[in-house]
């Protein structure tokens, strides 16, 4: 798993010792999870989800990185790619702790991740699956240059599909 750096962020491998507790807290926040399954995750669900992210790296060669704030060394969220069986396409996504919303971390990290996917994986098209009411994520997708491409369903939830060519 490659490590990426931006001006303010480090996108790095996951560590149970340093990342599970803050990831469990992020996943237990009802506002953070509002458009990601609609309910907070239990510790067990957070563990299973973090394990799925790490497993996706091993099976596909890409997934979400743990995102660390350079200045503080604090875990602030996750960002990266998914494309499991049955997914509508190669997706970039992001989830940050509420205390770090509004700082521009999602577009900053996403730009670095997109450059990596284009150069390292040869990806030419990327999508983001976003709940129709998630205005913040729609704004991030638009800042990246993504445009509406249609609709899909993820695990029984209707989503808008934004996308762009790289």
N, C-alpha and C. Protein backbone atom coordinates (compact mmCIF):
# COMPACT_ATOMS: atom_id res chain seq x y z
N UNK A 1 0.85 -1.17 0.00
CA UNK A 1 0.00 0.00 0.00
C UNK A 1 0.90 1.23 0.00
N UNK A 2 0.74 2.04 -1.00
CA UNK A 2 1.56 3.24 -1.11
C UNK A 2 1.06 4.34 -0.19
N UNK A 3 1.99 5.13 0.25
CA UNK A 3 1.70 6.28 1.11
C UNK A 3 1.70 7.52 0.21
N UNK A 4 0.66 8.35 0.36
CA UNK A 4 0.58 9.60 -0.40
C UNK A 4 0.60 10.76 0.58
N UNK A 5 1.15 11.87 0.14
CA UNK A 5 1.17 13.07 0.97
C UNK A 5 0.67 14.25 0.17
N UNK A 6 -0.07 15.11 0.85
CA UNK A 6 -0.50 16.38 0.29
C UNK A 6 0.09 17.46 1.19
N UNK A 7 -0.29 18.68 0.96
CA UNK A 7 0.22 19.77 1.80
C UNK A 7 -0.10 19.55 3.27
N UNK A 8 -1.33 19.05 3.55
CA UNK A 8 -1.77 18.94 4.94
C UNK A 8 -2.09 17.53 5.41
N UNK A 9 -2.05 16.57 4.51
CA UNK A 9 -2.52 15.21 4.83
C UNK A 9 -1.51 14.14 4.48
N UNK A 10 -1.62 13.02 5.18
CA UNK A 10 -0.91 11.80 4.84
C UNK A 10 -1.97 10.72 4.63
N UNK A 11 -1.95 10.10 3.47
CA UNK A 11 -2.81 8.96 3.17
C UNK A 11 -1.92 7.73 3.31
N UNK A 12 -2.25 6.86 4.25
CA UNK A 12 -1.33 5.79 4.63
C UNK A 12 -2.07 4.50 4.93
N UNK A 13 -1.25 3.45 5.17
CA UNK A 13 -1.79 2.15 5.54
C UNK A 13 -2.50 2.22 6.88
N UNK A 14 -3.45 1.34 7.05
CA UNK A 14 -4.21 1.25 8.30
C UNK A 14 -3.40 0.53 9.36
N UNK A 15 -3.57 0.94 10.60
CA UNK A 15 -2.94 0.30 11.75
C UNK A 15 -4.00 0.06 12.82
N UNK A 16 -4.14 -1.19 13.22
CA UNK A 16 -5.12 -1.48 14.28
C UNK A 16 -4.81 -0.67 15.54
N UNK A 17 -3.54 -0.59 15.88
CA UNK A 17 -3.14 0.06 17.13
C UNK A 17 -3.50 1.54 17.18
N UNK A 18 -3.37 2.22 16.05
CA UNK A 18 -3.61 3.68 16.08
C UNK A 18 -4.91 4.10 15.44
N UNK A 19 -5.50 3.25 14.60
CA UNK A 19 -6.65 3.70 13.81
C UNK A 19 -7.99 3.14 14.25
N UNK A 20 -8.01 1.98 14.92
CA UNK A 20 -9.32 1.40 15.20
C UNK A 20 -10.17 2.27 16.11
N UNK A 21 -9.63 2.74 17.20
CA UNK A 21 -10.45 3.53 18.14
C UNK A 21 -11.00 4.79 17.48
N UNK A 22 -10.18 5.60 16.80
CA UNK A 22 -10.77 6.78 16.16
C UNK A 22 -11.71 6.42 15.01
N UNK A 23 -11.45 5.28 14.31
CA UNK A 23 -12.37 4.88 13.25
C UNK A 23 -13.70 4.42 13.85
N UNK A 24 -13.64 3.71 14.96
CA UNK A 24 -14.88 3.28 15.63
C UNK A 24 -15.67 4.50 16.09
N UNK A 25 -15.00 5.52 16.60
CA UNK A 25 -15.68 6.75 17.04
C UNK A 25 -16.30 7.47 15.84
N UNK A 26 -15.57 7.59 14.75
CA UNK A 26 -16.10 8.22 13.54
C UNK A 26 -17.33 7.46 13.06
N UNK A 27 -17.24 6.14 13.05
CA UNK A 27 -18.33 5.29 12.55
C UNK A 27 -19.54 5.27 13.48
N UNK A 28 -19.33 5.63 14.74
CA UNK A 28 -20.43 5.67 15.71
C UNK A 28 -21.15 7.02 15.72
N UNK A 29 -20.65 7.98 14.98
CA UNK A 29 -21.23 9.32 14.92
C UNK A 29 -22.41 9.32 13.95
N UNK A 30 -23.60 9.52 14.48
CA UNK A 30 -24.83 9.46 13.66
C UNK A 30 -24.81 10.47 12.52
N UNK A 31 -24.24 11.63 12.74
CA UNK A 31 -24.21 12.66 11.68
C UNK A 31 -23.24 12.26 10.57
N UNK A 32 -22.10 11.68 10.92
CA UNK A 32 -21.14 11.21 9.92
C UNK A 32 -21.78 10.10 9.09
N UNK A 33 -22.50 9.20 9.73
CA UNK A 33 -23.05 8.03 9.07
C UNK A 33 -24.42 8.27 8.43
N UNK A 34 -24.94 9.46 8.57
CA UNK A 34 -26.28 9.79 8.09
C UNK A 34 -26.55 9.32 6.66
N UNK A 35 -25.57 9.53 5.77
CA UNK A 35 -25.76 9.16 4.36
C UNK A 35 -24.94 7.93 3.97
N UNK A 36 -24.35 7.28 4.96
CA UNK A 36 -23.54 6.08 4.72
C UNK A 36 -24.15 4.90 5.47
N UNK A 37 -25.27 4.47 5.03
CA UNK A 37 -25.97 3.38 5.70
C UNK A 37 -27.07 3.86 6.62
N UNK A 38 -27.06 5.15 6.94
CA UNK A 38 -28.16 5.74 7.68
C UNK A 38 -28.15 5.56 9.18
N UNK A 39 -27.16 4.83 9.71
CA UNK A 39 -27.13 4.65 11.16
C UNK A 39 -25.69 4.46 11.61
N UNK A 40 -25.43 4.80 12.86
CA UNK A 40 -24.08 4.59 13.39
C UNK A 40 -23.71 3.11 13.39
N UNK A 41 -22.42 2.83 13.33
CA UNK A 41 -21.94 1.45 13.41
C UNK A 41 -21.56 1.12 14.86
N UNK A 42 -21.80 -0.11 15.23
CA UNK A 42 -21.30 -0.62 16.50
C UNK A 42 -19.78 -0.82 16.36
N UNK A 43 -19.11 -1.10 17.47
CA UNK A 43 -17.67 -1.38 17.40
C UNK A 43 -17.39 -2.58 16.49
N UNK A 44 -18.23 -3.61 16.60
CA UNK A 44 -18.05 -4.79 15.76
C UNK A 44 -18.23 -4.43 14.29
N UNK A 45 -19.25 -3.65 13.97
CA UNK A 45 -19.46 -3.24 12.57
C UNK A 45 -18.30 -2.39 12.06
N UNK A 46 -17.79 -1.50 12.90
CA UNK A 46 -16.64 -0.68 12.52
C UNK A 46 -15.41 -1.56 12.27
N UNK A 47 -15.21 -2.55 13.14
CA UNK A 47 -14.10 -3.49 12.95
C UNK A 47 -14.24 -4.23 11.62
N UNK A 48 -15.43 -4.74 11.36
CA UNK A 48 -15.66 -5.48 10.11
C UNK A 48 -15.45 -4.57 8.91
N UNK A 49 -15.90 -3.33 8.99
CA UNK A 49 -15.75 -2.40 7.88
C UNK A 49 -14.28 -2.06 7.65
N UNK A 50 -13.54 -1.78 8.72
CA UNK A 50 -12.12 -1.49 8.59
C UNK A 50 -11.39 -2.70 7.99
N UNK A 51 -11.77 -3.89 8.42
CA UNK A 51 -11.17 -5.12 7.88
C UNK A 51 -11.48 -5.28 6.40
N UNK A 52 -12.68 -4.92 6.00
CA UNK A 52 -13.05 -4.99 4.58
C UNK A 52 -12.19 -4.02 3.76
N UNK A 53 -11.95 -2.83 4.29
CA UNK A 53 -11.10 -1.86 3.59
C UNK A 53 -9.70 -2.43 3.38
N UNK A 54 -9.13 -2.98 4.45
CA UNK A 54 -7.79 -3.56 4.36
C UNK A 54 -7.79 -4.75 3.40
N UNK A 55 -8.82 -5.58 3.46
CA UNK A 55 -8.93 -6.71 2.54
C UNK A 55 -9.05 -6.29 1.09
N UNK A 56 -9.76 -5.20 0.84
CA UNK A 56 -9.90 -4.68 -0.53
C UNK A 56 -8.53 -4.34 -1.09
N UNK A 57 -7.64 -3.78 -0.25
CA UNK A 57 -6.26 -3.50 -0.69
C UNK A 57 -5.60 -4.79 -1.17
N UNK A 58 -5.75 -5.85 -0.42
CA UNK A 58 -5.07 -7.10 -0.75
C UNK A 58 -5.67 -7.78 -1.98
N UNK A 59 -6.98 -7.68 -2.14
CA UNK A 59 -7.64 -8.32 -3.27
C UNK A 59 -7.56 -7.52 -4.57
N UNK A 60 -7.65 -6.20 -4.46
CA UNK A 60 -7.73 -5.36 -5.66
C UNK A 60 -6.50 -4.47 -5.90
N UNK A 61 -5.69 -4.28 -4.87
CA UNK A 61 -4.53 -3.41 -5.03
C UNK A 61 -4.83 -1.94 -4.80
N UNK A 62 -6.01 -1.67 -4.31
CA UNK A 62 -6.42 -0.30 -3.97
C UNK A 62 -7.59 -0.37 -3.01
N UNK A 63 -7.81 0.70 -2.29
CA UNK A 63 -8.94 0.81 -1.37
C UNK A 63 -8.88 2.20 -0.75
N UNK A 64 -9.42 2.33 0.43
CA UNK A 64 -9.34 3.59 1.16
C UNK A 64 -8.08 3.59 2.02
N UNK A 65 -7.42 4.73 2.03
CA UNK A 65 -6.31 4.95 2.94
C UNK A 65 -6.86 5.47 4.27
N UNK A 66 -6.12 5.25 5.34
CA UNK A 66 -6.34 5.99 6.58
C UNK A 66 -5.76 7.38 6.33
N UNK A 67 -6.49 8.41 6.72
CA UNK A 67 -6.03 9.78 6.48
C UNK A 67 -5.61 10.40 7.80
N UNK A 68 -4.41 10.92 7.79
CA UNK A 68 -3.82 11.54 8.98
C UNK A 68 -3.54 13.01 8.69
N UNK A 69 -3.84 13.85 9.64
CA UNK A 69 -3.52 15.26 9.53
C UNK A 69 -2.03 15.44 9.84
N UNK A 70 -1.28 16.03 8.90
CA UNK A 70 0.17 16.17 9.10
C UNK A 70 0.51 16.96 10.36
N UNK A 71 -0.15 18.07 10.57
CA UNK A 71 0.21 18.97 11.67
C UNK A 71 0.07 18.31 13.03
N UNK A 72 -0.96 17.50 13.21
CA UNK A 72 -1.25 16.91 14.53
C UNK A 72 -0.91 15.43 14.63
N UNK A 73 -0.80 14.74 13.49
CA UNK A 73 -0.63 13.30 13.49
C UNK A 73 -1.90 12.55 13.79
N UNK A 74 -3.02 13.27 13.83
CA UNK A 74 -4.31 12.71 14.21
C UNK A 74 -4.98 12.01 13.02
N UNK A 75 -5.59 10.83 13.29
CA UNK A 75 -6.44 10.16 12.32
C UNK A 75 -7.67 11.04 12.11
N UNK A 76 -7.96 11.40 10.86
CA UNK A 76 -9.10 12.29 10.60
C UNK A 76 -10.16 11.66 9.71
N UNK A 77 -9.87 10.49 9.11
CA UNK A 77 -10.87 9.87 8.26
C UNK A 77 -10.29 8.85 7.31
N UNK A 78 -11.06 8.59 6.27
CA UNK A 78 -10.64 7.64 5.23
C UNK A 78 -10.97 8.22 3.88
N UNK A 79 -10.19 7.81 2.88
CA UNK A 79 -10.40 8.31 1.54
C UNK A 79 -9.74 7.34 0.57
N UNK A 80 -10.41 7.08 -0.53
CA UNK A 80 -9.81 6.20 -1.53
C UNK A 80 -10.84 5.59 -2.44
N UNK A 81 -10.57 4.37 -2.87
CA UNK A 81 -11.33 3.75 -3.95
C UNK A 81 -11.98 2.44 -3.52
N UNK A 82 -13.14 2.18 -4.10
CA UNK A 82 -13.84 0.90 -3.96
C UNK A 82 -14.33 0.48 -5.33
N UNK A 83 -14.35 -0.80 -5.53
CA UNK A 83 -14.99 -1.39 -6.70
C UNK A 83 -15.21 -2.87 -6.45
N UNK A 84 -15.94 -3.20 -5.35
CA UNK A 84 -16.20 -4.61 -5.08
C UNK A 84 -17.18 -5.20 -6.09
N UNK A 85 -17.32 -6.49 -6.04
CA UNK A 85 -18.26 -7.18 -6.92
C UNK A 85 -19.64 -6.54 -6.78
N UNK A 86 -20.27 -6.23 -7.93
CA UNK A 86 -21.61 -5.66 -7.94
C UNK A 86 -21.66 -4.15 -7.81
N UNK A 87 -20.52 -3.49 -7.66
CA UNK A 87 -20.49 -2.02 -7.53
C UNK A 87 -20.69 -1.40 -8.90
N UNK A 88 -21.24 -0.19 -8.97
CA UNK A 88 -21.51 0.42 -10.28
C UNK A 88 -20.28 0.89 -11.05
N UNK A 89 -19.09 0.89 -10.43
CA UNK A 89 -17.89 1.31 -11.13
C UNK A 89 -16.77 1.59 -10.15
N UNK A 90 -15.65 2.06 -10.68
CA UNK A 90 -14.48 2.40 -9.87
C UNK A 90 -14.78 3.71 -9.16
N UNK A 91 -14.98 3.61 -7.84
CA UNK A 91 -15.50 4.76 -7.08
C UNK A 91 -14.44 5.37 -6.18
N UNK A 92 -14.39 6.70 -6.17
CA UNK A 92 -13.64 7.42 -5.16
C UNK A 92 -14.64 7.91 -4.11
N UNK A 93 -14.25 7.75 -2.85
CA UNK A 93 -15.13 8.19 -1.76
C UNK A 93 -14.30 8.70 -0.59
N UNK A 94 -14.97 9.32 0.34
CA UNK A 94 -14.30 9.95 1.48
C UNK A 94 -15.25 9.99 2.66
N UNK A 95 -14.70 9.86 3.84
CA UNK A 95 -15.45 9.99 5.09
C UNK A 95 -14.49 10.58 6.12
N UNK A 96 -14.88 11.71 6.68
CA UNK A 96 -14.03 12.39 7.65
C UNK A 96 -14.79 12.59 8.96
N UNK A 97 -14.03 12.61 10.05
CA UNK A 97 -14.60 12.91 11.36
C UNK A 97 -15.24 14.30 11.30
N UNK A 98 -16.37 14.44 11.93
CA UNK A 98 -17.12 15.70 11.87
C UNK A 98 -16.28 16.89 12.33
N UNK A 99 -15.39 16.67 13.28
CA UNK A 99 -14.53 17.76 13.78
C UNK A 99 -13.58 18.28 12.71
N UNK A 100 -13.48 17.57 11.58
CA UNK A 100 -12.59 18.00 10.50
C UNK A 100 -13.34 18.37 9.22
N UNK A 101 -14.64 18.47 9.30
CA UNK A 101 -15.42 18.91 8.14
C UNK A 101 -15.13 20.38 7.85
N UNK A 102 -15.29 20.75 6.60
CA UNK A 102 -15.18 22.15 6.20
C UNK A 102 -13.76 22.67 6.07
N UNK A 103 -12.78 21.80 6.11
CA UNK A 103 -11.38 22.22 6.00
C UNK A 103 -10.79 21.99 4.61
N UNK A 104 -11.59 21.41 3.73
CA UNK A 104 -11.09 21.14 2.38
C UNK A 104 -10.25 19.88 2.28
N UNK A 105 -10.29 19.03 3.29
CA UNK A 105 -9.48 17.81 3.28
C UNK A 105 -9.94 16.82 2.20
N UNK A 106 -11.24 16.69 2.00
CA UNK A 106 -11.73 15.71 1.02
C UNK A 106 -11.23 16.02 -0.39
N UNK A 107 -11.41 17.24 -0.92
CA UNK A 107 -10.89 17.49 -2.26
C UNK A 107 -9.36 17.44 -2.33
N UNK A 108 -8.69 17.88 -1.28
CA UNK A 108 -7.22 17.85 -1.26
C UNK A 108 -6.71 16.41 -1.35
N UNK A 109 -7.24 15.55 -0.51
CA UNK A 109 -6.82 14.15 -0.53
C UNK A 109 -7.26 13.45 -1.80
N UNK A 110 -8.46 13.75 -2.26
CA UNK A 110 -8.99 13.10 -3.47
C UNK A 110 -8.15 13.42 -4.70
N UNK A 111 -7.67 14.64 -4.81
CA UNK A 111 -6.83 14.99 -5.97
C UNK A 111 -5.56 14.15 -6.00
N UNK A 112 -4.93 13.97 -4.84
CA UNK A 112 -3.73 13.13 -4.77
C UNK A 112 -4.07 11.68 -5.12
N UNK A 113 -5.18 11.18 -4.59
CA UNK A 113 -5.60 9.81 -4.86
C UNK A 113 -5.92 9.61 -6.34
N UNK A 114 -6.58 10.57 -6.95
CA UNK A 114 -6.91 10.47 -8.37
C UNK A 114 -5.66 10.46 -9.23
N UNK A 115 -4.68 11.30 -8.89
CA UNK A 115 -3.41 11.29 -9.63
C UNK A 115 -2.75 9.92 -9.52
N UNK A 116 -2.78 9.34 -8.32
CA UNK A 116 -2.21 8.02 -8.09
C UNK A 116 -2.95 6.96 -8.93
N UNK A 117 -4.27 7.00 -8.92
CA UNK A 117 -5.06 6.00 -9.66
C UNK A 117 -4.81 6.09 -11.17
N UNK A 118 -4.70 7.31 -11.66
CA UNK A 118 -4.43 7.51 -13.10
C UNK A 118 -3.02 6.99 -13.44
N UNK A 119 -2.02 7.38 -12.64
CA UNK A 119 -0.64 7.01 -12.94
C UNK A 119 -0.29 5.58 -12.61
N UNK A 120 -0.74 5.11 -11.46
CA UNK A 120 -0.35 3.78 -10.98
C UNK A 120 -1.25 2.67 -11.52
N UNK A 121 -2.55 2.93 -11.59
CA UNK A 121 -3.51 1.90 -11.99
C UNK A 121 -4.00 2.05 -13.43
N UNK A 122 -3.73 3.21 -14.03
CA UNK A 122 -4.21 3.45 -15.39
C UNK A 122 -5.70 3.70 -15.47
N UNK A 123 -6.30 4.13 -14.37
CA UNK A 123 -7.75 4.39 -14.35
C UNK A 123 -8.06 5.59 -15.25
N UNK A 124 -9.11 5.46 -16.04
CA UNK A 124 -9.48 6.54 -16.95
C UNK A 124 -10.85 7.15 -16.65
N UNK A 125 -11.62 6.48 -15.77
CA UNK A 125 -12.93 7.01 -15.40
C UNK A 125 -13.19 6.65 -13.94
N UNK A 126 -13.73 7.61 -13.22
CA UNK A 126 -14.02 7.40 -11.80
C UNK A 126 -15.42 7.91 -11.51
N UNK A 127 -16.08 7.27 -10.54
CA UNK A 127 -17.41 7.71 -10.12
C UNK A 127 -17.41 7.96 -8.62
N UNK A 128 -18.44 8.65 -8.16
CA UNK A 128 -18.75 8.78 -6.74
C UNK A 128 -20.24 8.52 -6.59
N UNK A 129 -20.58 7.60 -5.70
CA UNK A 129 -21.98 7.27 -5.42
C UNK A 129 -22.39 8.04 -4.17
N UNK A 130 -23.34 8.96 -4.33
CA UNK A 130 -23.66 9.91 -3.27
C UNK A 130 -25.16 9.94 -3.03
N UNK A 131 -25.54 9.87 -1.76
CA UNK A 131 -26.95 10.02 -1.38
C UNK A 131 -27.43 11.39 -1.87
N UNK A 132 -28.62 11.45 -2.42
CA UNK A 132 -29.14 12.68 -3.02
C UNK A 132 -29.21 13.86 -2.05
N UNK A 133 -29.33 13.60 -0.77
CA UNK A 133 -29.41 14.68 0.22
C UNK A 133 -28.05 15.09 0.78
N UNK A 134 -26.99 14.43 0.36
CA UNK A 134 -25.66 14.71 0.90
C UNK A 134 -25.01 15.85 0.12
N UNK A 135 -25.43 17.06 0.43
CA UNK A 135 -24.97 18.25 -0.28
C UNK A 135 -23.47 18.47 -0.16
N UNK A 136 -22.89 18.15 0.99
CA UNK A 136 -21.46 18.35 1.17
C UNK A 136 -20.64 17.47 0.22
N UNK A 137 -21.01 16.20 0.11
CA UNK A 137 -20.28 15.31 -0.78
C UNK A 137 -20.52 15.66 -2.25
N UNK A 138 -21.71 16.12 -2.56
CA UNK A 138 -21.97 16.57 -3.93
C UNK A 138 -21.06 17.74 -4.27
N UNK A 139 -20.88 18.68 -3.33
CA UNK A 139 -19.98 19.81 -3.56
C UNK A 139 -18.54 19.36 -3.76
N UNK A 140 -18.11 18.37 -2.99
CA UNK A 140 -16.75 17.85 -3.16
C UNK A 140 -16.60 17.24 -4.54
N UNK A 141 -17.56 16.40 -4.94
CA UNK A 141 -17.52 15.78 -6.27
C UNK A 141 -17.44 16.84 -7.36
N UNK A 142 -18.24 17.89 -7.23
CA UNK A 142 -18.23 18.97 -8.23
C UNK A 142 -16.90 19.72 -8.23
N UNK A 143 -16.31 19.95 -7.05
CA UNK A 143 -14.99 20.60 -6.98
C UNK A 143 -13.94 19.78 -7.70
N UNK A 144 -14.09 18.46 -7.67
CA UNK A 144 -13.14 17.58 -8.35
C UNK A 144 -13.37 17.55 -9.86
N UNK A 145 -14.53 18.05 -10.30
CA UNK A 145 -14.86 18.04 -11.72
C UNK A 145 -15.85 16.97 -12.12
N UNK A 146 -16.40 16.27 -11.14
CA UNK A 146 -17.38 15.24 -11.44
C UNK A 146 -18.72 15.88 -11.81
N UNK A 147 -19.44 15.20 -12.69
CA UNK A 147 -20.76 15.64 -13.14
C UNK A 147 -21.76 14.50 -12.94
N UNK A 148 -23.05 14.82 -12.81
CA UNK A 148 -24.06 13.76 -12.68
C UNK A 148 -24.05 12.84 -13.90
N UNK A 149 -24.06 11.53 -13.63
CA UNK A 149 -24.09 10.54 -14.71
C UNK A 149 -25.30 9.62 -14.63
N UNK A 150 -26.06 9.70 -13.55
CA UNK A 150 -27.22 8.84 -13.43
C UNK A 150 -27.49 8.47 -11.99
N UNK A 151 -28.16 7.35 -11.82
CA UNK A 151 -28.52 6.86 -10.50
C UNK A 151 -28.21 5.38 -10.42
N UNK A 152 -28.06 4.91 -9.19
CA UNK A 152 -27.82 3.49 -8.95
C UNK A 152 -28.36 3.16 -7.57
N UNK A 153 -28.05 1.98 -7.12
CA UNK A 153 -28.46 1.53 -5.79
C UNK A 153 -27.27 0.83 -5.14
N UNK A 154 -26.96 1.23 -3.92
CA UNK A 154 -25.88 0.61 -3.16
C UNK A 154 -26.47 -0.01 -1.90
N UNK A 155 -26.38 -1.32 -1.80
CA UNK A 155 -26.89 -2.04 -0.63
C UNK A 155 -28.31 -1.61 -0.27
N UNK A 156 -29.15 -1.49 -1.30
CA UNK A 156 -30.55 -1.16 -1.10
C UNK A 156 -30.87 0.31 -0.98
N UNK A 157 -29.86 1.18 -1.05
CA UNK A 157 -30.07 2.63 -0.93
C UNK A 157 -29.86 3.30 -2.28
N UNK A 158 -30.83 4.08 -2.75
CA UNK A 158 -30.64 4.81 -4.00
C UNK A 158 -29.55 5.88 -3.85
N UNK A 159 -28.71 6.01 -4.87
CA UNK A 159 -27.65 7.01 -4.87
C UNK A 159 -27.58 7.69 -6.23
N UNK A 160 -27.06 8.91 -6.20
CA UNK A 160 -26.71 9.59 -7.44
C UNK A 160 -25.30 9.15 -7.82
N UNK A 161 -25.06 9.02 -9.10
CA UNK A 161 -23.74 8.67 -9.58
C UNK A 161 -23.15 9.89 -10.26
N UNK A 162 -22.07 10.40 -9.67
CA UNK A 162 -21.29 11.47 -10.29
C UNK A 162 -20.06 10.81 -10.89
N UNK A 163 -19.50 11.38 -11.94
CA UNK A 163 -18.33 10.78 -12.53
C UNK A 163 -17.56 11.74 -13.40
N UNK A 164 -16.36 11.30 -13.79
CA UNK A 164 -15.52 12.08 -14.69
C UNK A 164 -14.44 11.19 -15.28
N UNK A 165 -13.95 11.62 -16.41
CA UNK A 165 -12.81 10.98 -17.03
C UNK A 165 -11.55 11.58 -16.44
N UNK A 166 -10.54 10.75 -16.31
CA UNK A 166 -9.25 11.22 -15.78
C UNK A 166 -8.26 11.46 -16.91
